[in-house]
Amino acid sequence: MIDFKILKKSKKSKARLGILRTKHGVVETPCLVPVATQAVVKTLNSEEVLKTKTQILIANSFHLHLKPGEKIVEKSKGLHKFMNWPKPLMTDSGGFQVFSLGFGRDFNIGKIMAPPATFRKRASSLAPLPASLRVATRAGDLPLIKEGGHPKSLRINNDGVFFKSPIDGREIFLGPRESIKIQEALGADIIFSFDECTPPNADYDYTKKSLLKTHKWAEICIKTKESEQSIFGIVQGGKYYDLREESARFIASLDFDGFGIGGEFGDDKKIMKNMIARVVNNLPQERPRHLLGIGHLEDIENIIRSGVDFFDCTVPTHYARRGIAFTKTGKLNLSQAKFLNDEKPLDLTCSCSVCWNYKRNYISHLMKAKEITGLALLTFHNIYFFNSFVEGIRKKIKTGKI
């Protein structure tokens, strides 16, 4: 089980400093949770991830169920031993895959909508992004999903979801009971209840019906769990303020150890900020809150100001594998030839081992030569950079600046 203690609350916002104690160590919050989908942060081993200031990781129970299977992980004495990770771990429930392998795939969208025009322009010049990072113009530009609508490649009913395995095409059923049993076998410190992550173009009636399923599944998850792991319930409701508040109140009424805030938040990032604030207002102050799948650099301070303690995000790793380094002066695309003549480190202000030991021209050469080491160096730097950025926000909260 976990123990969460709030050390300081900001007088300028809802931001707060906290300590989360688990069987596998202590986490200072607010905190980035890098994504280790298949029990690995792509291109890095666990010893390397430790050196990026990472305190906790989140793995994907759906993908680990597909391969190698939770029984193999359980036989290896759990996910910590299996991946040689000594610090705390989370596993998600598989609810995001209901979206990404369903309507997300049908419409080629992610849950983040309407980026600024400059971001769209930059994004279009890069290699395609995965569903979790893909963007559309506005939800209103997409066909509306109404009550009774179904994705093409999976079936959702009141009991759970029938998937087609992306590996061999066989049918896989995942419901609240199945999700909890998989996560118990994997053995992370924190697990999440099973939910449906609705798409941005779902109408009110579809979202309302989906929410009722998510709430029913949350109750089943609590009844099913037999382990000593901590379990977080997930608040859904899409871009509809009343549904978000209804969901927060319902999930807060159940015996969860903490709360996840999932799904999409509409076309405007201001809506996201307001939505998170409304959700947080309806959650118990003494328990931790985790924002699922959101964490672009420009969002981080705002979501922390809104009262979020944890957030997981694939941005630093996905962008690294597309040649992008995050720096204090902006993003650098190391795949561009101009960097072959640049002998500066990635970021003059960064103290990571990559910035101390390698130059932009070398990393650019590795990207041009399609060498895996280039991806690993950028991944290491980006995670370190994001963790340092959040570390700076913790200091600002401590000194009363946020």
Protein backbone atom coordinates (compact mmCIF):
# COMPACT_ATOMS: atom_id res chain seq x y z
CA MET A 1 0.00 0.00 0.00
CA ILE A 2 0.99 3.64 -0.39
CA ASP A 3 1.20 6.48 2.08
CA PHE A 4 0.74 10.00 0.70
CA LYS A 5 1.51 13.12 2.68
CA ILE A 6 1.06 16.73 1.55
CA LEU A 7 4.03 18.81 2.68
CA LYS A 8 2.99 22.22 1.40
CA LYS A 9 0.04 23.82 -0.37
CA SER A 10 0.60 26.85 -2.57
CA LYS A 11 -1.10 30.13 -1.63
CA LYS A 12 -1.07 31.22 -5.29
CA SER A 13 -2.62 28.15 -6.94
CA LYS A 14 -3.78 24.59 -6.24
CA ALA A 15 -0.20 23.33 -6.60
CA ARG A 16 1.18 21.25 -3.75
CA LEU A 17 4.31 19.43 -2.66
CA GLY A 18 3.96 15.87 -1.44
CA ILE A 19 5.71 12.64 -0.55
CA LEU A 20 4.43 9.26 -1.73
CA ARG A 21 5.84 6.28 0.16
CA THR A 22 5.66 2.83 -1.38
CA LYS A 23 7.18 -0.57 -0.77
CA HIS A 24 9.79 0.28 -3.42
CA GLY A 25 10.74 3.74 -2.27
CA VAL A 26 9.70 7.36 -1.96
CA VAL A 27 8.47 9.71 -4.69
CA GLU A 28 8.55 13.50 -4.40
CA THR A 29 5.52 15.13 -6.01
CA PRO A 30 4.58 16.76 -8.32
CA CYS A 31 6.28 14.23 -10.53
CA LEU A 32 6.64 13.13 -14.16
CA VAL A 33 5.97 9.42 -14.69
CA PRO A 34 7.87 8.28 -17.82
CA VAL A 35 6.18 5.55 -19.83
CA ALA A 36 7.70 2.05 -19.94
CA THR A 37 5.01 0.50 -22.15
CA GLN A 38 6.46 -3.00 -22.47
CA ALA A 39 8.46 -2.93 -19.22
CA VAL A 40 11.12 -0.77 -20.84
CA VAL A 41 11.69 2.87 -21.65
CA LYS A 42 12.50 2.42 -25.31
CA THR A 43 16.25 2.58 -26.16
CA LEU A 44 17.32 2.70 -22.47
CA ASN A 45 17.99 0.01 -19.89
CA SER A 46 16.74 0.36 -16.33
CA GLU A 47 20.14 1.46 -14.96
CA GLU A 48 20.21 4.29 -17.49
CA VAL A 49 16.66 5.39 -16.64
CA LEU A 50 17.67 5.67 -12.98
CA LYS A 51 20.28 8.27 -13.98
CA THR A 52 17.65 10.50 -15.61
CA LYS A 53 16.21 11.51 -12.19
CA THR A 54 13.18 9.28 -12.84
CA GLN A 55 11.36 8.37 -9.61
CA ILE A 56 8.55 6.14 -10.90
CA LEU A 57 7.49 4.47 -14.17
CA ILE A 58 4.19 3.32 -15.65
CA ALA A 59 3.91 0.14 -17.74
CA ASN A 60 1.07 -0.97 -19.99
CA SER A 61 -0.93 -3.95 -18.74
CA PHE A 62 -2.66 -4.54 -22.10
CA HIS A 63 0.61 -4.87 -24.03
CA LEU A 64 2.26 -6.94 -21.29
CA HIS A 65 -0.75 -9.25 -21.34
CA LEU A 66 -0.15 -9.78 -25.06
CA LYS A 67 3.59 -10.34 -24.63
CA PRO A 68 5.18 -11.92 -22.71
CA GLY A 69 1.99 -12.51 -20.69
CA GLU A 70 1.42 -11.70 -17.02
CA LYS A 71 2.09 -15.31 -15.96
CA ILE A 72 5.67 -15.10 -17.18
CA VAL A 73 6.15 -11.80 -15.34
CA GLU A 74 4.57 -13.25 -12.19
CA LYS A 75 6.85 -16.30 -12.39
CA SER A 76 9.79 -13.87 -12.54
CA LYS A 77 8.69 -12.49 -9.13
CA GLY A 78 6.86 -9.51 -10.60
CA LEU A 79 7.52 -6.57 -12.84
CA HIS A 80 10.19 -4.98 -10.61
CA LYS A 81 12.43 -8.07 -10.77
CA PHE A 82 11.52 -8.82 -14.38
CA MET A 83 12.72 -5.42 -15.63
CA ASN A 84 15.31 -4.82 -12.86
CA TRP A 85 13.62 -1.61 -11.71
CA PRO A 86 14.12 -0.93 -7.97
CA LYS A 87 11.84 2.08 -7.66
CA PRO A 88 8.01 2.40 -7.64
CA LEU A 89 5.91 1.26 -10.58
CA MET A 90 2.40 1.86 -11.88
CA THR A 91 0.44 -0.16 -14.44
CA ASP A 92 -2.46 1.24 -16.41
CA SER A 93 -5.66 -0.71 -16.86
CA GLY A 94 -5.93 -1.06 -20.64
CA GLY A 95 -8.63 1.61 -20.82
CA PHE A 96 -6.58 3.83 -23.14
CA GLN A 97 -6.34 0.97 -25.64
CA VAL A 98 -10.15 0.99 -25.83
CA PHE A 99 -9.69 4.39 -27.45
CA SER A 100 -6.37 4.01 -29.31
CA LEU A 101 -7.26 0.67 -30.93
CA GLY A 102 -10.88 1.72 -31.47
CA PHE A 103 -12.08 5.20 -32.45
CA GLY A 104 -8.53 6.55 -32.28
CA ARG A 105 -7.51 4.18 -35.05
CA ASP A 106 -10.75 4.72 -36.99
CA PHE A 107 -10.28 8.50 -37.17
CA ASN A 108 -6.47 8.61 -36.94
CA ILE A 109 -6.61 10.87 -33.89
CA GLY A 110 -5.24 11.18 -30.40
CA LYS A 111 -6.98 12.74 -27.43
CA ILE A 112 -5.18 16.08 -27.74
CA MET A 113 -7.06 18.39 -30.08
CA ALA A 114 -6.52 21.78 -31.71
CA PRO A 115 -2.81 22.46 -31.21
CA PRO A 116 -1.54 25.95 -32.01
CA ALA A 117 -0.96 26.55 -35.73
CA THR A 118 2.80 26.76 -35.20
CA PHE A 119 2.81 23.36 -33.52
CA ARG A 120 0.75 21.84 -36.34
CA LYS A 121 3.20 23.24 -38.86
CA ARG A 122 6.17 21.76 -37.01
CA ALA A 123 4.43 18.46 -36.39
CA SER A 124 3.62 18.05 -40.09
CA SER A 125 7.30 18.22 -40.94
CA LEU A 126 8.17 15.29 -38.68
CA ALA A 127 7.61 11.56 -38.98
CA PRO A 128 4.08 10.41 -38.02
CA LEU A 129 3.38 10.40 -34.31
CA PRO A 130 1.63 7.58 -32.41
CA ALA A 131 -2.04 7.82 -31.47
CA SER A 132 -1.27 9.22 -28.02
CA LEU A 133 0.40 12.27 -29.61
CA ARG A 134 -1.51 12.66 -32.87
CA VAL A 135 -3.64 15.76 -33.23
CA ALA A 136 -6.61 16.84 -35.27
CA THR A 137 -7.76 20.38 -36.02
CA ARG A 138 -10.94 20.41 -33.96
CA ALA A 139 -13.35 17.76 -32.72
CA GLY A 140 -16.05 19.56 -34.71
CA ASP A 141 -14.20 18.74 -37.94
CA LEU A 142 -14.69 15.01 -37.30
CA PRO A 143 -17.85 12.90 -37.72
CA LEU A 144 -19.82 12.93 -34.47
CA ILE A 145 -19.95 9.66 -32.50
CA LYS A 146 -23.46 9.29 -31.13
CA GLU A 147 -24.96 6.92 -28.59
CA GLY A 148 -24.92 3.42 -30.07
CA GLY A 149 -21.84 4.12 -32.18
CA HIS A 150 -19.13 1.45 -32.28
CA PRO A 151 -15.50 1.42 -33.38
CA LYS A 152 -14.70 -0.79 -36.38
CA SER A 153 -12.07 -3.04 -34.85
CA LEU A 154 -13.33 -3.73 -31.33
CA ARG A 155 -16.63 -4.31 -29.51
CA ILE A 156 -17.58 -2.56 -26.29
CA ASN A 157 -20.43 -3.84 -24.13
CA ASN A 158 -21.50 -3.46 -20.52
CA ASP A 159 -19.11 -6.17 -19.36
CA GLY A 160 -15.93 -5.07 -21.11
CA VAL A 161 -14.21 -4.90 -24.47
CA PHE A 162 -13.47 -7.47 -27.19
CA PHE A 163 -10.16 -6.63 -28.88
CA LYS A 164 -8.42 -8.15 -31.85
CA SER A 165 -4.83 -8.85 -30.91
CA PRO A 166 -2.49 -6.57 -32.90
CA ILE A 167 -0.02 -9.48 -32.88
CA ASP A 168 -1.98 -12.42 -34.29
CA GLY A 169 -5.57 -11.19 -34.73
CA ARG A 170 -7.08 -13.47 -32.08
CA GLU A 171 -9.97 -12.14 -30.02
CA ILE A 172 -9.12 -10.92 -26.53
CA PHE A 173 -11.69 -9.95 -23.92
CA LEU A 174 -10.74 -7.39 -21.30
CA GLY A 175 -13.11 -6.25 -18.61
CA PRO A 176 -12.70 -4.87 -15.08
CA ARG A 177 -12.11 -8.30 -13.50
CA GLU A 178 -9.61 -9.34 -16.18
CA SER A 179 -7.74 -6.04 -15.98
CA ILE A 180 -7.33 -6.26 -12.20
CA LYS A 181 -6.15 -9.88 -12.32
CA ILE A 182 -3.57 -9.02 -14.98
CA GLN A 183 -2.33 -6.06 -12.95
CA GLU A 184 -2.18 -8.11 -9.76
CA ALA A 185 -0.01 -10.67 -11.52
CA LEU A 186 2.29 -7.94 -12.85
CA GLY A 187 2.74 -6.67 -9.31
CA ALA A 188 3.19 -2.89 -9.66
CA ASP A 189 2.86 -0.70 -6.57
CA ILE A 190 -0.11 1.22 -8.03
CA ILE A 191 -2.75 -0.12 -10.41
CA PHE A 192 -5.69 1.60 -12.12
CA SER A 193 -9.34 0.71 -12.49
CA PHE A 194 -10.60 -0.29 -15.95
CA ASP A 195 -12.39 2.43 -17.90
CA GLU A 196 -13.39 3.56 -21.36
CA CYS A 197 -11.36 6.50 -22.63
CA THR A 198 -13.85 8.26 -24.92
CA PRO A 199 -12.81 9.99 -28.18
CA PRO A 200 -12.85 13.80 -28.62
CA ASN A 201 -15.68 13.61 -31.17
CA ALA A 202 -18.10 11.70 -28.91
CA ASP A 203 -21.37 13.53 -28.29
CA TYR A 204 -22.92 14.09 -24.87
CA ASP A 205 -25.18 11.02 -24.92
CA TYR A 206 -22.37 8.67 -25.95
CA THR A 207 -20.09 10.11 -23.26
CA LYS A 208 -22.79 9.85 -20.60
CA LYS A 209 -23.48 6.19 -21.39
CA SER A 210 -19.76 5.44 -21.45
CA LEU A 211 -19.37 7.14 -18.08
CA LEU A 212 -21.98 4.90 -16.49
CA LYS A 213 -20.01 1.87 -17.72
CA THR A 214 -16.77 3.28 -16.33
CA HIS A 215 -18.43 3.84 -12.95
CA LYS A 216 -19.87 0.32 -12.89
CA TRP A 217 -16.46 -1.09 -13.82
CA ALA A 218 -14.80 0.96 -11.05
CA GLU A 219 -17.02 -0.73 -8.44
CA ILE A 220 -16.20 -4.16 -9.89
CA CYS A 221 -12.47 -3.39 -9.84
CA ILE A 222 -12.55 -2.58 -6.12
CA LYS A 223 -14.48 -5.77 -5.34
CA THR A 224 -12.14 -7.87 -7.52
CA LYS A 225 -8.80 -6.65 -6.12
CA GLU A 226 -7.33 -9.07 -3.57
CA SER A 227 -3.72 -7.88 -3.48
CA GLU A 228 -2.11 -5.27 -1.22
CA GLN A 229 -1.44 -3.02 -4.22
CA SER A 230 -2.88 0.46 -4.16
CA ILE A 231 -5.61 1.17 -6.69
CA PHE A 232 -6.53 4.46 -8.35
CA GLY A 233 -9.99 5.13 -9.76
CA ILE A 234 -10.29 7.02 -13.05
CA VAL A 235 -12.44 10.10 -13.61
CA GLN A 236 -13.86 10.37 -17.13
CA GLY A 237 -16.53 12.56 -18.75
CA GLY A 238 -14.79 14.00 -21.79
CA LYS A 239 -15.17 17.72 -22.44
CA TYR A 240 -18.49 18.00 -20.59
CA TYR A 241 -18.14 19.89 -17.31
CA ASP A 242 -21.18 18.37 -15.62
CA LEU A 243 -20.12 14.81 -16.51
CA ARG A 244 -16.59 15.45 -15.24
CA GLU A 245 -17.92 16.72 -11.93
CA GLU A 246 -20.40 13.86 -11.68
CA SER A 247 -17.61 11.35 -12.35
CA ALA A 248 -15.25 12.96 -9.85
CA ARG A 249 -17.88 12.85 -7.12
CA PHE A 250 -18.76 9.22 -7.85
CA ILE A 251 -15.18 7.95 -8.07
CA ALA A 252 -14.31 9.93 -4.92
CA SER A 253 -17.12 8.14 -3.07
CA LEU A 254 -15.46 4.75 -3.64
CA ASP A 255 -12.61 3.26 -1.63
CA PHE A 256 -9.74 4.21 -3.96
CA ASP A 257 -6.25 5.07 -2.72
CA GLY A 258 -5.85 7.82 -5.32
CA PHE A 259 -7.37 9.10 -8.51
CA GLY A 260 -6.56 9.19 -12.20
CA ILE A 261 -7.97 11.88 -14.47
CA GLY A 262 -8.37 10.37 -17.93
CA GLY A 263 -9.76 11.01 -21.36
CA GLU A 264 -9.82 14.12 -23.52
CA PHE A 265 -10.59 17.71 -22.62
CA GLY A 266 -11.98 19.36 -25.75
CA ASP A 267 -10.54 21.66 -28.38
CA ASP A 268 -8.83 24.26 -26.22
CA LYS A 269 -6.09 23.93 -23.62
CA LYS A 270 -7.89 26.53 -21.51
CA ILE A 271 -10.77 24.07 -21.32
CA MET A 272 -8.35 21.40 -20.10
CA LYS A 273 -7.08 23.67 -17.33
CA ASN A 274 -10.60 24.57 -16.21
CA MET A 275 -11.73 20.95 -16.45
CA ILE A 276 -8.90 19.67 -14.28
CA ALA A 277 -9.68 22.37 -11.72
CA ARG A 278 -13.34 21.31 -11.58
CA VAL A 279 -12.37 17.65 -11.19
CA VAL A 280 -9.85 18.42 -8.44
CA ASN A 281 -12.46 20.47 -6.55
CA ASN A 282 -14.55 17.30 -6.25
CA LEU A 283 -11.75 14.96 -5.12
CA PRO A 284 -10.51 14.41 -1.54
CA GLN A 285 -7.56 16.71 -0.83
CA GLU A 286 -5.58 14.12 1.10
CA ARG A 287 -5.26 11.56 -1.72
CA PRO A 288 -2.95 11.76 -4.77
CA ARG A 289 -4.15 12.71 -8.27
CA HIS A 290 -2.66 11.45 -11.50
CA LEU A 291 -3.30 13.02 -14.92
CA LEU A 292 -3.22 10.27 -17.53
CA GLY A 293 -1.38 10.79 -20.82
CA ILE A 294 -0.91 14.58 -20.76
CA GLY A 295 2.44 16.33 -20.45
CA HIS A 296 3.65 18.54 -23.28
CA LEU A 297 6.27 20.86 -21.87
CA GLU A 298 4.03 23.92 -22.22
CA ASP A 299 1.27 22.14 -20.24
CA ILE A 300 3.26 20.97 -17.25
CA GLU A 301 3.24 24.09 -15.06
CA ASN A 302 -0.46 24.67 -15.69
CA ILE A 303 -1.48 21.13 -14.76
CA ILE A 304 0.64 21.29 -11.61
CA ARG A 305 -0.95 24.66 -10.73
CA SER A 306 -4.31 22.90 -11.15
CA GLY A 307 -3.49 20.47 -8.33
CA VAL A 308 -2.09 17.45 -10.21
CA ASP A 309 0.49 15.36 -8.33
CA PHE A 310 1.55 12.89 -11.06
CA PHE A 311 1.32 12.88 -14.83
CA ASP A 312 2.54 10.30 -17.34
CA CYS A 313 3.62 11.33 -20.78
CA THR A 314 5.29 9.83 -23.87
CA VAL A 315 6.40 13.20 -25.29
CA PRO A 316 10.09 13.09 -24.24
CA THR A 317 10.62 9.54 -25.54
CA HIS A 318 8.54 9.69 -28.74
CA TYR A 319 10.04 12.98 -29.80
CA ALA A 320 13.55 11.69 -29.09
CA ARG A 321 13.01 8.79 -31.48
CA ARG A 322 12.10 11.32 -34.14
CA GLY A 323 15.32 13.25 -33.64
CA ILE A 324 13.93 16.01 -31.42
CA ALA A 325 15.79 17.32 -28.37
CA PHE A 326 14.07 19.59 -25.82
CA THR A 327 16.20 22.49 -24.63
CA LYS A 328 15.79 25.68 -22.63
CA THR A 329 15.67 27.65 -25.91
CA GLY A 330 13.19 25.35 -27.67
CA LYS A 331 13.11 22.10 -29.61
CA LEU A 332 16.00 21.05 -31.87
CA ASN A 333 15.55 18.67 -34.79
CA LEU A 334 18.91 16.87 -34.85
CA SER A 335 17.97 15.15 -38.12
CA GLN A 336 18.62 18.47 -39.89
CA ALA A 337 21.95 18.74 -41.69
CA LYS A 338 22.73 22.16 -40.19
CA PHE A 339 23.59 20.50 -36.88
CA LEU A 340 26.48 18.55 -38.44
CA ASN A 341 28.56 21.71 -38.04
CA ASP A 342 27.32 22.55 -34.54
CA GLU A 343 29.81 21.64 -31.81
CA LYS A 344 27.70 22.83 -28.88
CA PRO A 345 26.05 20.44 -26.40
CA LEU A 346 22.31 19.92 -26.78
CA ASP A 347 21.64 22.40 -23.96
CA LEU A 348 24.28 24.57 -22.31
CA THR A 349 22.25 24.67 -19.08
CA CYS A 350 21.67 20.89 -18.82
CA SER A 351 23.83 18.76 -16.51
CA CYS A 352 22.91 15.35 -17.96
CA SER A 353 25.72 13.04 -19.09
CA VAL A 354 24.72 13.45 -22.75
CA CYS A 355 25.17 17.22 -22.61
CA TRP A 356 28.47 16.80 -20.74
CA ASN A 357 29.95 14.24 -23.14
CA TYR A 358 28.42 14.61 -26.63
CA LYS A 359 27.99 17.42 -29.15
CA ARG A 360 25.11 18.24 -31.47
CA ASN A 361 27.16 17.37 -34.56
CA TYR A 362 27.84 13.82 -33.33
CA ILE A 363 24.20 13.17 -32.41
CA SER A 364 23.10 14.64 -35.75
CA HIS A 365 25.53 12.29 -37.50
CA LEU A 366 24.03 9.32 -35.62
CA MET A 367 20.53 10.37 -36.67
CA LYS A 368 21.62 10.73 -40.31
CA ALA A 369 23.34 7.33 -40.14
CA LYS A 370 20.22 5.81 -38.51
CA GLU A 371 22.25 4.56 -35.56
CA ILE A 372 20.25 3.43 -32.51
CA THR A 373 22.70 5.17 -30.16
CA GLY A 374 21.45 8.55 -31.39
CA LEU A 375 17.92 7.67 -30.28
CA ALA A 376 19.20 6.52 -26.89
CA LEU A 377 21.19 9.73 -26.30
CA LEU A 378 18.21 11.93 -27.17
CA THR A 379 15.86 9.82 -25.04
CA PHE A 380 18.16 10.06 -22.03
CA HIS A 381 18.54 13.82 -22.42
CA ASN A 382 14.81 14.48 -22.94
CA ILE A 383 13.71 12.52 -19.87
CA TYR A 384 16.42 14.17 -17.76
CA PHE A 385 15.38 17.58 -19.12
CA PHE A 386 11.68 16.98 -18.29
CA ASN A 387 12.52 15.67 -14.81
CA SER A 388 14.74 18.70 -14.18
CA PHE A 389 11.95 20.98 -15.39
CA VAL A 390 9.50 19.43 -12.89
CA GLU A 391 12.18 19.55 -10.19
CA GLY A 392 12.38 23.29 -10.83
CA ILE A 393 8.62 23.61 -10.38
CA ARG A 394 8.84 21.78 -7.05
CA LYS A 395 11.42 24.36 -5.94
CA LYS A 396 9.11 27.18 -7.03
CA ILE A 397 6.26 25.74 -4.98
CA LYS A 398 8.59 25.38 -2.00
CA THR A 399 9.70 29.01 -2.22
CA GLY A 400 6.19 30.34 -2.82
CA LYS A 401 6.72 31.40 -6.44
CA ILE A 402 3.89 29.18 -7.78
